[in-house]
Amino acid sequence: MEEVEDCVFVLASHQIQIHFTKRSDFYLRVRSRPIIEDSDGERFTNYCLKYEGIEEDLVVAVLDEEIGNWANVDDFKWLKVVQNPNWSILPKEERVGDVDFVNSNSSTS
């Protein structure tokens, strides 16, 4: 993903690479650690998409196990031990809650 600003993404993938992105929120289920580069203001949290049959779809995609990698972001431009200023965990009170794809309703959980 490249060159986006002020967006919200709900993604399930084996790998996520984010470049030249600003002030966006990512709701992720990812097998490997997300990678950011040349990005600023990114916020991450766990996957929130719901629909009938999602569990089976995640099994087929080998994404059924939630391993928490959404919180283990690597920034190739930040190699220091201290907290990276380019990304953070999205605070619970600012999350959209579960997104029901079939009904297009959003509710807090």
Protein backbone atom coordinates (compact mmCIF):
# COMPACT_ATOMS: atom_id res chain seq x y z
CA MET A 1 0.00 0.00 0.00
CA GLU A 2 1.39 3.40 -0.93
CA GLU A 3 0.60 7.09 -0.68
CA VAL A 4 -2.65 7.24 1.27
CA GLU A 5 -3.73 9.79 3.88
CA ASP A 6 -6.48 9.92 6.48
CA CYS A 7 -7.95 6.50 5.63
CA VAL A 8 -9.32 3.52 7.54
CA PHE A 9 -8.42 -0.01 6.39
CA VAL A 10 -9.78 -3.38 7.52
CA LEU A 11 -7.41 -6.02 6.14
CA ALA A 12 -6.66 -9.71 6.58
CA SER A 13 -3.46 -10.79 4.84
CA HIS A 14 -0.31 -12.80 5.20
CA GLN A 15 1.82 -9.68 4.80
CA ILE A 16 1.14 -5.92 4.92
CA GLN A 17 3.63 -3.33 3.67
CA ILE A 18 2.76 0.35 4.05
CA HIS A 19 4.79 3.11 2.36
CA PHE A 20 4.43 6.92 2.25
CA THR A 21 1.22 6.86 4.28
CA LYS A 22 -0.06 9.43 6.79
CA ARG A 23 -2.63 9.47 9.60
CA SER A 24 -4.41 6.23 8.75
CA ASP A 25 -5.97 3.53 10.92
CA PHE A 26 -5.39 -0.17 10.24
CA TYR A 27 -7.61 -2.97 11.61
CA LEU A 28 -5.47 -6.02 10.86
CA ARG A 29 -5.26 -9.76 11.01
CA VAL A 30 -1.83 -10.53 9.62
CA ARG A 31 0.47 -13.57 9.74
CA SER A 32 3.73 -11.59 9.64
CA ARG A 33 4.67 -8.32 11.29
CA PRO A 34 3.27 -5.28 9.44
CA ILE A 35 5.95 -3.14 7.81
CA ILE A 36 5.83 0.65 7.52
CA GLU A 37 8.33 2.89 5.78
CA ASP A 38 8.29 6.66 5.22
CA SER A 39 4.98 6.83 7.09
CA ASP A 40 3.68 8.99 9.93
CA GLY A 41 0.71 8.92 12.29
CA GLU A 42 -0.32 5.32 11.59
CA ARG A 43 -2.50 3.58 14.18
CA PHE A 44 -3.06 -0.17 14.45
CA THR A 45 -5.57 -2.48 16.11
CA ASN A 46 -7.09 -5.92 15.71
CA TYR A 47 -9.28 -7.02 12.80
CA CYS A 48 -12.97 -6.14 13.16
CA LEU A 49 -14.78 -7.42 10.04
CA LYS A 50 -17.68 -9.80 10.65
CA TYR A 51 -19.97 -11.66 8.25
CA GLU A 52 -21.61 -15.05 8.01
CA GLY A 53 -18.93 -17.57 7.02
CA ILE A 54 -15.91 -15.44 7.90
CA GLU A 55 -14.44 -18.14 10.13
CA GLU A 56 -14.41 -20.63 7.23
CA ASP A 57 -12.93 -18.04 4.86
CA LEU A 58 -10.14 -17.28 7.32
CA VAL A 59 -9.37 -21.02 7.64
CA VAL A 60 -9.12 -21.39 3.85
CA ALA A 61 -6.81 -18.34 3.71
CA VAL A 62 -4.72 -19.74 6.60
CA LEU A 63 -5.57 -16.64 8.63
CA ASP A 64 -7.81 -18.29 11.21
CA GLU A 65 -5.39 -17.97 14.13
CA GLU A 66 -5.20 -14.47 15.64
CA ILE A 67 -1.57 -14.13 16.75
CA GLY A 68 -1.54 -10.42 17.54
CA ASN A 69 0.98 -9.34 14.92
CA TRP A 70 -1.11 -6.22 14.25
CA ALA A 71 0.65 -4.77 17.32
CA ASN A 72 4.18 -5.78 16.22
CA VAL A 73 4.88 -3.15 13.58
CA ASP A 74 8.32 -2.87 12.00
CA ASP A 75 9.48 0.49 10.62
CA PHE A 76 12.50 0.13 8.35
CA LYS A 77 13.37 3.80 8.93
CA TRP A 78 13.25 3.53 12.75
CA LEU A 79 15.86 1.16 14.13
CA LYS A 80 16.03 2.53 17.68
CA VAL A 81 14.96 0.72 20.84
CA VAL A 82 12.70 3.57 22.04
CA GLN A 83 9.02 3.80 20.96
CA ASN A 84 8.62 4.73 17.32
CA PRO A 85 6.77 8.05 16.85
CA ASN A 86 5.47 6.99 13.41
CA TRP A 87 2.88 4.49 14.67
CA SER A 88 0.83 3.64 17.74
CA ILE A 89 -1.90 1.34 19.00
CA LEU A 90 -5.35 2.75 18.22
CA PRO A 91 -6.99 3.55 21.59
CA LYS A 92 -9.99 1.33 22.40
CA GLU A 93 -12.32 4.29 22.80
CA GLU A 94 -11.54 5.42 19.23
CA ARG A 95 -12.07 2.05 17.51
CA VAL A 96 -15.09 1.50 15.29
CA GLY A 97 -16.07 -1.80 16.93
CA ASP A 98 -17.20 -4.78 14.88
CA VAL A 99 -18.06 -4.06 11.25
CA ASP A 100 -20.89 -6.26 9.94
CA PHE A 101 -20.18 -6.49 6.21
CA VAL A 102 -23.53 -8.03 5.24
CA ASN A 103 -25.71 -5.56 7.10
CA SER A 104 -23.38 -2.55 6.73
CA ASN A 105 -23.91 -1.79 10.41
CA SER A 106 -21.22 -0.77 12.85
CA SER A 107 -21.49 -1.40 16.57
CA THR A 108 -19.11 -0.99 19.45
CA SER A 109 -17.93 -4.05 21.27
